[in-house]
């Protein structure tokens, strides 16, 4: 989970402007344990969510949702280094 820790660090350094939310079908206790073990417990947790409800068919999946709740991008599967950079670029604040 190094990439997700990198996203947290970028968020904390105000280099990306986003809220990170981890969605798990597992119970809150199980999901919190996974995040804690991965040193990602500063991410907002939504547990007990059937992945089919958010149209996710596999994990990991990253979904970029805008401030209106509209999905603007999605990435499925383990990302390559280029894919990780694509995600980070999509999360960086846009120049006005």
N, C-alpha and C. Protein backbone atom coordinates (compact mmCIF):
# COMPACT_ATOMS: atom_id res chain seq x y z
N UNK A 1 0.79 -1.20 0.00
CA UNK A 1 0.00 0.00 0.00
C UNK A 1 0.84 1.28 0.00
N UNK A 2 2.05 1.19 -0.50
CA UNK A 2 2.89 2.39 -0.52
C UNK A 2 2.27 3.55 -1.31
N UNK A 3 1.59 3.23 -2.41
CA UNK A 3 1.00 4.30 -3.21
C UNK A 3 -0.05 5.07 -2.41
N UNK A 4 -0.86 4.35 -1.64
CA UNK A 4 -1.90 5.03 -0.86
C UNK A 4 -1.28 5.88 0.24
N UNK A 5 -0.18 5.39 0.84
CA UNK A 5 0.55 6.21 1.82
C UNK A 5 1.11 7.46 1.14
N UNK A 6 1.56 7.31 -0.08
CA UNK A 6 2.05 8.48 -0.83
C UNK A 6 0.93 9.49 -1.06
N UNK A 7 -0.27 9.01 -1.40
CA UNK A 7 -1.40 9.92 -1.57
C UNK A 7 -1.72 10.66 -0.27
N UNK A 8 -1.68 9.95 0.84
CA UNK A 8 -1.93 10.59 2.14
C UNK A 8 -0.88 11.67 2.39
N UNK A 9 0.38 11.36 2.13
CA UNK A 9 1.46 12.34 2.34
C UNK A 9 1.26 13.56 1.45
N UNK A 10 0.91 13.36 0.20
CA UNK A 10 0.67 14.48 -0.71
C UNK A 10 -0.51 15.32 -0.24
N UNK A 11 -1.55 14.67 0.24
CA UNK A 11 -2.70 15.40 0.78
C UNK A 11 -2.29 16.21 2.00
N UNK A 12 -1.54 15.60 2.90
CA UNK A 12 -1.12 16.29 4.12
C UNK A 12 -0.19 17.46 3.83
N UNK A 13 0.55 17.37 2.72
CA UNK A 13 1.45 18.45 2.31
C UNK A 13 0.75 19.46 1.40
N UNK A 14 -0.57 19.30 1.21
CA UNK A 14 -1.38 20.19 0.38
C UNK A 14 -0.93 20.22 -1.08
N UNK A 15 -0.36 19.10 -1.53
CA UNK A 15 0.06 19.01 -2.92
C UNK A 15 -1.04 18.44 -3.81
N UNK A 16 -2.01 17.77 -3.19
CA UNK A 16 -3.22 17.36 -3.90
C UNK A 16 -4.39 17.87 -3.08
N UNK A 17 -5.45 18.20 -3.77
CA UNK A 17 -6.62 18.77 -3.12
C UNK A 17 -7.76 17.75 -3.21
N UNK A 18 -7.79 16.86 -2.23
CA UNK A 18 -8.79 15.80 -2.29
C UNK A 18 -9.05 15.22 -0.92
N UNK A 19 -10.20 14.62 -0.76
CA UNK A 19 -10.51 13.85 0.44
C UNK A 19 -10.35 12.39 0.06
N UNK A 20 -9.63 11.64 0.84
CA UNK A 20 -9.41 10.22 0.57
C UNK A 20 -10.39 9.41 1.40
N UNK A 21 -11.13 8.53 0.74
CA UNK A 21 -12.12 7.68 1.41
C UNK A 21 -11.86 6.24 1.00
N UNK A 22 -11.74 5.37 1.99
CA UNK A 22 -11.59 3.94 1.73
C UNK A 22 -12.94 3.28 1.93
N UNK A 23 -13.39 2.56 0.92
CA UNK A 23 -14.69 1.88 0.98
C UNK A 23 -14.43 0.39 1.07
N UNK A 24 -15.01 -0.23 2.09
CA UNK A 24 -14.83 -1.66 2.34
C UNK A 24 -16.18 -2.35 2.46
N UNK A 25 -16.29 -3.57 1.93
CA UNK A 25 -17.51 -4.35 2.18
C UNK A 25 -17.49 -4.98 3.58
N UNK A 26 -16.30 -4.99 4.21
CA UNK A 26 -16.12 -5.62 5.51
C UNK A 26 -16.75 -4.79 6.63
N UNK A 27 -16.82 -5.37 7.80
CA UNK A 27 -17.30 -4.65 8.97
C UNK A 27 -16.34 -3.52 9.31
N UNK A 28 -16.81 -2.57 10.11
CA UNK A 28 -15.98 -1.44 10.49
C UNK A 28 -14.70 -1.88 11.20
N UNK A 29 -14.83 -2.84 12.12
CA UNK A 29 -13.66 -3.32 12.85
C UNK A 29 -12.62 -3.94 11.94
N UNK A 30 -13.07 -4.78 11.02
CA UNK A 30 -12.13 -5.42 10.08
C UNK A 30 -11.48 -4.38 9.17
N UNK A 31 -12.28 -3.48 8.63
CA UNK A 31 -11.77 -2.47 7.71
C UNK A 31 -10.80 -1.53 8.43
N UNK A 32 -11.14 -1.12 9.63
CA UNK A 32 -10.26 -0.24 10.40
C UNK A 32 -8.92 -0.94 10.66
N UNK A 33 -8.98 -2.22 10.96
CA UNK A 33 -7.75 -3.00 11.18
C UNK A 33 -6.86 -3.02 9.96
N UNK A 34 -7.47 -3.19 8.78
CA UNK A 34 -6.70 -3.20 7.53
C UNK A 34 -6.00 -1.85 7.34
N UNK A 35 -6.75 -0.76 7.54
CA UNK A 35 -6.17 0.57 7.36
C UNK A 35 -5.08 0.84 8.39
N UNK A 36 -5.33 0.43 9.62
CA UNK A 36 -4.33 0.66 10.68
C UNK A 36 -3.05 -0.12 10.39
N UNK A 37 -3.19 -1.38 10.01
CA UNK A 37 -2.02 -2.21 9.69
C UNK A 37 -1.22 -1.63 8.52
N UNK A 38 -1.91 -0.98 7.59
CA UNK A 38 -1.26 -0.39 6.42
C UNK A 38 -0.79 1.05 6.69
N UNK A 39 -0.97 1.51 7.92
CA UNK A 39 -0.63 2.89 8.31
C UNK A 39 -1.39 3.90 7.45
N UNK A 40 -2.67 3.62 7.25
CA UNK A 40 -3.55 4.48 6.48
C UNK A 40 -4.77 4.90 7.29
N UNK A 41 -4.65 4.89 8.61
CA UNK A 41 -5.83 5.15 9.43
C UNK A 41 -6.26 6.61 9.45
N UNK A 42 -5.58 7.50 8.70
CA UNK A 42 -6.05 8.88 8.59
C UNK A 42 -7.03 9.05 7.43
N UNK A 43 -7.27 7.98 6.69
CA UNK A 43 -8.23 8.01 5.58
C UNK A 43 -9.63 7.81 6.14
N UNK A 44 -10.59 8.55 5.61
CA UNK A 44 -11.99 8.38 5.99
C UNK A 44 -12.42 6.97 5.59
N UNK A 45 -13.16 6.31 6.46
CA UNK A 45 -13.57 4.92 6.24
C UNK A 45 -15.08 4.83 6.06
N UNK A 46 -15.48 4.14 5.01
CA UNK A 46 -16.88 3.75 4.80
C UNK A 46 -16.88 2.22 4.77
N UNK A 47 -17.45 1.60 5.78
CA UNK A 47 -17.42 0.14 5.86
C UNK A 47 -18.82 -0.43 5.67
N UNK A 48 -18.85 -1.72 5.40
CA UNK A 48 -20.13 -2.42 5.22
C UNK A 48 -20.85 -2.03 3.93
N UNK A 49 -20.10 -1.56 2.95
CA UNK A 49 -20.70 -1.11 1.68
C UNK A 49 -20.53 -2.21 0.64
N UNK A 50 -21.63 -2.78 0.16
CA UNK A 50 -21.49 -3.77 -0.91
C UNK A 50 -20.86 -3.09 -2.13
N UNK A 51 -19.78 -3.66 -2.64
CA UNK A 51 -19.08 -3.02 -3.75
C UNK A 51 -19.95 -2.90 -4.99
N UNK A 52 -20.92 -3.80 -5.13
CA UNK A 52 -21.83 -3.71 -6.27
C UNK A 52 -22.67 -2.43 -6.21
N UNK A 53 -22.90 -1.92 -5.01
CA UNK A 53 -23.68 -0.68 -4.86
C UNK A 53 -22.97 0.50 -5.52
N UNK A 54 -21.64 0.49 -5.52
CA UNK A 54 -20.90 1.58 -6.15
C UNK A 54 -20.29 1.13 -7.48
N UNK A 55 -20.81 0.02 -7.99
CA UNK A 55 -20.43 -0.52 -9.30
C UNK A 55 -18.94 -0.85 -9.42
N UNK A 56 -18.37 -1.37 -8.34
CA UNK A 56 -16.99 -1.82 -8.33
C UNK A 56 -17.00 -3.34 -8.45
N UNK A 57 -16.27 -3.85 -9.44
CA UNK A 57 -16.27 -5.29 -9.67
C UNK A 57 -14.98 -5.96 -9.24
N UNK A 58 -13.97 -5.16 -8.89
CA UNK A 58 -12.70 -5.73 -8.45
C UNK A 58 -11.93 -4.73 -7.61
N UNK A 59 -10.95 -5.24 -6.90
CA UNK A 59 -10.14 -4.36 -6.07
C UNK A 59 -8.67 -4.58 -6.39
N UNK A 60 -7.85 -3.59 -6.23
CA UNK A 60 -8.22 -2.24 -5.79
C UNK A 60 -8.83 -1.44 -6.94
N UNK A 61 -9.69 -0.52 -6.60
CA UNK A 61 -10.28 0.42 -7.55
C UNK A 61 -10.20 1.81 -6.95
N UNK A 62 -9.70 2.75 -7.71
CA UNK A 62 -9.70 4.16 -7.29
C UNK A 62 -10.75 4.88 -8.12
N UNK A 63 -11.57 5.66 -7.46
CA UNK A 63 -12.63 6.42 -8.13
C UNK A 63 -12.46 7.88 -7.77
N UNK A 64 -12.36 8.72 -8.77
CA UNK A 64 -12.26 10.16 -8.57
C UNK A 64 -13.66 10.75 -8.74
N UNK A 65 -14.15 11.35 -7.65
CA UNK A 65 -15.50 11.91 -7.63
C UNK A 65 -15.37 13.41 -7.41
N UNK A 66 -16.07 14.21 -8.22
CA UNK A 66 -15.95 15.66 -8.06
C UNK A 66 -16.84 16.16 -6.92
N UNK A 67 -16.81 17.45 -6.69
CA UNK A 67 -17.53 18.04 -5.56
C UNK A 67 -19.05 17.89 -5.68
N UNK A 68 -19.55 17.57 -6.87
CA UNK A 68 -20.99 17.34 -7.05
C UNK A 68 -21.37 15.88 -6.92
N UNK A 69 -20.37 15.02 -6.68
CA UNK A 69 -20.64 13.60 -6.54
C UNK A 69 -20.63 12.85 -7.86
N UNK A 70 -20.10 13.47 -8.91
CA UNK A 70 -20.05 12.85 -10.23
C UNK A 70 -18.69 12.17 -10.41
N UNK A 71 -18.70 10.92 -10.84
CA UNK A 71 -17.46 10.19 -11.10
C UNK A 71 -16.83 10.78 -12.36
N UNK A 72 -15.58 11.25 -12.22
CA UNK A 72 -14.90 11.81 -13.37
C UNK A 72 -13.83 10.87 -13.93
N UNK A 73 -13.29 9.98 -13.10
CA UNK A 73 -12.28 9.02 -13.54
C UNK A 73 -12.34 7.80 -12.63
N UNK A 74 -11.85 6.69 -13.14
CA UNK A 74 -11.73 5.48 -12.33
C UNK A 74 -10.55 4.66 -12.84
N UNK A 75 -9.87 4.01 -11.90
CA UNK A 75 -8.74 3.15 -12.22
C UNK A 75 -8.96 1.83 -11.50
N UNK A 76 -8.80 0.71 -12.20
CA UNK A 76 -8.99 -0.61 -11.60
C UNK A 76 -7.70 -1.40 -11.67
N UNK A 77 -7.49 -2.20 -10.65
CA UNK A 77 -6.32 -3.06 -10.61
C UNK A 77 -5.11 -2.35 -10.04
N UNK A 78 -4.05 -3.12 -9.86
CA UNK A 78 -2.81 -2.54 -9.35
C UNK A 78 -2.21 -1.64 -10.42
N UNK A 79 -1.86 -0.43 -10.04
CA UNK A 79 -1.38 0.55 -10.99
C UNK A 79 0.12 0.41 -11.26
N UNK A 80 0.49 0.67 -12.48
CA UNK A 80 1.90 0.76 -12.85
C UNK A 80 2.41 2.11 -12.33
N UNK A 81 3.72 2.32 -12.32
CA UNK A 81 4.23 3.64 -11.94
C UNK A 81 3.62 4.77 -12.79
N UNK A 82 3.45 4.54 -14.09
CA UNK A 82 2.82 5.55 -14.94
C UNK A 82 1.36 5.78 -14.53
N UNK A 83 0.68 4.72 -14.18
CA UNK A 83 -0.71 4.84 -13.73
C UNK A 83 -0.81 5.62 -12.43
N UNK A 84 0.14 5.40 -11.52
CA UNK A 84 0.16 6.15 -10.27
C UNK A 84 0.36 7.63 -10.54
N UNK A 85 1.27 7.96 -11.45
CA UNK A 85 1.50 9.37 -11.79
C UNK A 85 0.27 9.99 -12.44
N UNK A 86 -0.45 9.20 -13.22
CA UNK A 86 -1.69 9.68 -13.84
C UNK A 86 -2.72 10.04 -12.77
N UNK A 87 -2.83 9.20 -11.74
CA UNK A 87 -3.76 9.49 -10.64
C UNK A 87 -3.35 10.78 -9.94
N UNK A 88 -2.08 10.89 -9.61
CA UNK A 88 -1.60 12.08 -8.90
C UNK A 88 -1.84 13.33 -9.73
N UNK A 89 -1.57 13.27 -11.01
CA UNK A 89 -1.82 14.42 -11.88
C UNK A 89 -3.30 14.79 -11.87
N UNK A 90 -4.18 13.81 -11.88
CA UNK A 90 -5.62 14.07 -11.87
C UNK A 90 -6.06 14.71 -10.55
N UNK A 91 -5.32 14.46 -9.46
CA UNK A 91 -5.70 14.99 -8.16
C UNK A 91 -5.10 16.36 -7.84
N UNK A 92 -4.11 16.79 -8.63
CA UNK A 92 -3.48 18.08 -8.37
C UNK A 92 -4.44 19.21 -8.69
N UNK A 93 -4.39 20.27 -7.89
CA UNK A 93 -5.27 21.41 -8.17
C UNK A 93 -4.99 21.99 -9.55
N UNK A 94 -6.04 22.39 -10.21
CA UNK A 94 -5.92 22.98 -11.53
C UNK A 94 -5.64 24.48 -11.38
N UNK A 95 -4.86 25.01 -12.30
CA UNK A 95 -4.65 26.46 -12.32
C UNK A 95 -5.93 27.14 -12.78
N UNK A 96 -6.28 28.27 -12.14
CA UNK A 96 -7.53 28.95 -12.54
C UNK A 96 -7.47 29.52 -13.94
